[in-house]
Protein backbone atom coordinates (compact mmCIF):
# COMPACT_ATOMS: atom_id res chain seq x y z
CA MET A 1 3.54 -16.97 14.50
CA ALA A 2 2.85 -14.67 16.94
CA ASN A 3 1.06 -11.90 14.07
CA LYS A 4 -1.25 -14.29 12.26
CA HIS A 5 -4.79 -13.83 11.93
CA THR A 6 -6.07 -16.16 13.47
CA ILE A 7 -9.91 -17.53 12.79
CA ILE A 8 -11.68 -19.72 15.91
CA LEU A 9 -14.53 -21.50 14.65
CA MET A 10 -16.23 -23.01 17.34
CA GLN A 11 -19.95 -24.92 17.68
CA THR A 12 -21.22 -24.73 21.56
CA SER A 13 -23.99 -27.31 21.14
CA GLN A 14 -25.49 -30.10 18.50
CA ASN A 15 -27.69 -27.04 17.50
CA ARG A 16 -25.95 -25.84 13.99
CA ALA A 17 -27.60 -22.35 14.63
CA THR A 18 -24.70 -22.39 17.91
CA ARG A 19 -21.84 -22.32 14.73
CA THR A 20 -19.99 -18.87 15.40
CA PHE A 21 -16.57 -17.33 14.97
CA MET A 22 -14.05 -15.06 16.50
CA ASP A 23 -11.48 -13.05 14.74
CA TYR A 24 -8.03 -12.31 16.13
CA GLY A 25 -5.03 -10.39 14.53
CA SER A 26 -2.94 -12.77 16.00
CA ILE A 27 -2.22 -16.33 17.63
CA ASN A 28 -1.63 -15.09 21.47
CA GLN A 29 -4.94 -12.79 21.02
CA ALA A 30 -7.06 -15.65 19.63
CA MET A 31 -5.93 -18.05 22.74
CA GLU A 32 -6.52 -15.28 25.21
CA GLY A 33 -10.03 -14.81 23.62
CA ILE A 34 -10.73 -18.32 24.56
CA CYS A 35 -9.68 -18.07 28.14
CA ALA A 36 -11.76 -15.16 28.15
CA LEU A 37 -14.56 -17.17 26.84
CA TYR A 38 -14.22 -19.77 29.27
CA GLU A 39 -13.96 -17.08 31.97
CA ARG A 40 -17.02 -15.67 30.90
CA LYS A 41 -19.00 -18.82 31.26
CA LEU A 42 -17.89 -19.74 34.62
CA ARG A 43 -18.69 -15.79 36.00
CA GLU A 44 -22.33 -17.24 34.42
CA LEU A 45 -22.53 -20.27 36.40
CA ASN A 46 -21.09 -18.76 39.62
CA PRO A 47 -22.09 -15.45 39.95
CA ALA A 48 -21.81 -15.30 44.03
CA ILE A 49 -17.63 -15.81 43.50
CA ARG A 50 -15.83 -12.73 42.91
CA ASP A 51 -12.11 -14.50 42.06
CA ILE A 52 -12.56 -17.39 39.66
CA THR A 53 -9.46 -19.56 39.48
CA TYR A 54 -9.32 -22.84 37.15
CA ASP A 55 -6.33 -24.98 36.50
CA VAL A 56 -5.56 -25.88 32.68
CA ALA A 57 -7.58 -29.40 32.83
CA ASP A 58 -10.84 -27.21 33.72
CA LEU A 59 -9.78 -25.30 30.32
CA TYR A 60 -9.36 -28.27 28.75
CA ASN A 61 -12.64 -30.03 29.28
CA PHE A 62 -14.36 -26.97 28.46
CA ILE A 63 -12.45 -26.98 25.13
CA ASP A 64 -13.74 -30.73 25.05
CA GLY A 65 -17.36 -30.21 26.11
CA LEU A 66 -17.62 -27.98 22.92
CA THR A 67 -19.39 -29.87 19.59
CA ASP A 68 -16.61 -28.44 17.54
CA MET A 69 -13.92 -26.02 17.81
CA SER A 70 -10.90 -25.53 15.28
CA ALA A 71 -8.43 -22.49 14.66
CA LEU A 72 -7.58 -21.13 10.69
CA VAL A 73 -3.87 -19.17 10.60
CA PHE A 74 -3.37 -16.89 8.04
CA ASP A 75 0.07 -17.98 6.68
CA HIS A 76 1.88 -15.33 4.73
CA SER A 77 4.31 -17.21 2.92
CA ILE A 78 1.26 -19.19 0.80
CA GLN A 79 -1.49 -16.53 1.15
CA ALA A 80 -3.77 -19.07 2.91
CA PHE A 81 -5.61 -19.95 6.03
CA LEU A 82 -4.08 -23.52 7.53
CA PRO A 83 -6.57 -25.50 9.61
CA TYR A 84 -5.50 -26.57 13.20
CA ASP A 85 -7.69 -28.88 15.14
CA ARG A 86 -8.65 -28.86 18.92
CA GLN A 87 -5.39 -30.39 20.05
CA TRP A 88 -3.76 -27.59 18.54
CA ILE A 89 -5.83 -24.91 20.20
CA LYS A 90 -5.56 -26.70 23.66
CA GLN A 91 -1.65 -27.13 23.20
CA ARG A 92 -1.69 -23.11 21.95
CA THR A 93 -3.61 -22.08 25.25
CA PHE A 94 -1.52 -24.25 27.75
CA GLN A 95 1.54 -22.36 26.08
CA HIS A 96 -0.18 -18.90 26.68
CA LEU A 97 -1.33 -19.49 30.31
CA LYS A 98 2.13 -20.67 31.21
CA LYS A 99 3.48 -17.31 29.30
CA MET A 100 0.92 -15.59 31.65
CA ALA A 101 1.94 -17.02 34.83
CA HIS A 102 5.59 -16.10 34.64
């Protein structure tokens, strides 16, 4: 599943103009991208703090705070993208962070 083209769809506020997407070559890259997005937001909010740290609950709150977030993952066997919800994204980011910690 690691090398599956993944598109993250998100909307940051109720304003439909905030709809955007991020395109990645794999699920792992997509999860890294979501973590990087959150880390950029933390740096914006805390410009004076050099070493930003957070736990998985903070990341989950960020994901839950978005108006919408979902993933489309390409499945080669059916030649189509399969949709995944916010809960799946949270599980995958947790697995990704766990792997990074080891």
